[in-house]
C-alpha atoms as a PDB file:
ATOM      1  CA  UNK A   1       8.204  11.400   3.285  1.00  0.00           C
ATOM      2  CA  UNK A   2      11.553   9.803   3.923  1.00  0.00           C
ATOM      3  CA  UNK A   3      14.217   9.261   1.283  1.00  0.00           C
ATOM      4  CA  UNK A   4      15.509   5.753   1.695  1.00  0.00           C
ATOM      5  CA  UNK A   5      19.012   5.215   0.315  1.00  0.00           C
ATOM      6  CA  UNK A   6      18.579   1.452   0.394  1.00  0.00           C
ATOM      7  CA  UNK A   7      16.648   0.384  -2.707  1.00  0.00           C
ATOM      8  CA  UNK A   8      15.477  -2.815  -1.036  1.00  0.00           C
ATOM      9  CA  UNK A   9      13.971  -0.832   1.852  1.00  0.00           C
ATOM     10  CA  UNK A  10      12.392   1.551  -0.640  1.00  0.00           C
ATOM     11  CA  UNK A  11      10.940  -1.346  -2.623  1.00  0.00           C
ATOM     12  CA  UNK A  12       9.570  -2.912   0.560  1.00  0.00           C
ATOM     13  CA  UNK A  13       8.052   0.435   1.587  1.00  0.00           C
ATOM     14  CA  UNK A  14       6.390   1.089  -1.773  1.00  0.00           C
ATOM     15  CA  UNK A  15       5.085  -2.488  -1.852  1.00  0.00           C
ATOM     16  CA  UNK A  16       3.647  -1.980   1.639  1.00  0.00           C
ATOM     17  CA  UNK A  17       1.956   1.253   0.573  1.00  0.00           C
ATOM     18  CA  UNK A  18       0.555  -0.413  -2.544  1.00  0.00           C
ATOM     19  CA  UNK A  19      -0.856  -3.273  -0.451  1.00  0.00           C
ATOM     20  CA  UNK A  20      -2.360  -0.777   2.004  1.00  0.00           C
ATOM     21  CA  UNK A  21      -4.055   1.143  -0.823  1.00  0.00           C
ATOM     22  CA  UNK A  22      -5.196  -2.077  -2.460  1.00  0.00           C
ATOM     23  CA  UNK A  23      -6.705  -3.452   0.753  1.00  0.00           C
ATOM     24  CA  UNK A  24      -8.360  -0.109   1.465  1.00  0.00           C
ATOM     25  CA  UNK A  25      -9.922  -0.140  -2.016  1.00  0.00           C
ATOM     26  CA  UNK A  26     -10.980  -3.771  -1.573  1.00  0.00           C
ATOM     27  CA  UNK A  27     -12.508  -2.954   1.816  1.00  0.00           C
ATOM     28  CA  UNK A  28     -14.511  -0.021   0.442  1.00  0.00           C
ATOM     29  CA  UNK A  29     -15.744  -2.088  -2.510  1.00  0.00           C
ATOM     30  CA  UNK A  30     -16.845  -4.808  -0.085  1.00  0.00           C
ATOM     31  CA  UNK A  31     -18.709  -2.185   1.949  1.00  0.00           C
ATOM     32  CA  UNK A  32     -20.345  -0.823  -1.197  1.00  0.00           C
ATOM     33  CA  UNK A  33     -21.408  -4.313  -2.234  1.00  0.00           C
ATOM     34  CA  UNK A  34     -23.252  -5.162   0.987  1.00  0.00           C
END
């Protein structure tokens, strides 16, 4: 894992990871539903 000195880059990265996890969880719940 990289240490990003720029807080804006770090915020963008963590937001991206959160969206990835969220979409992955949404996708699996959709698969479980059908």
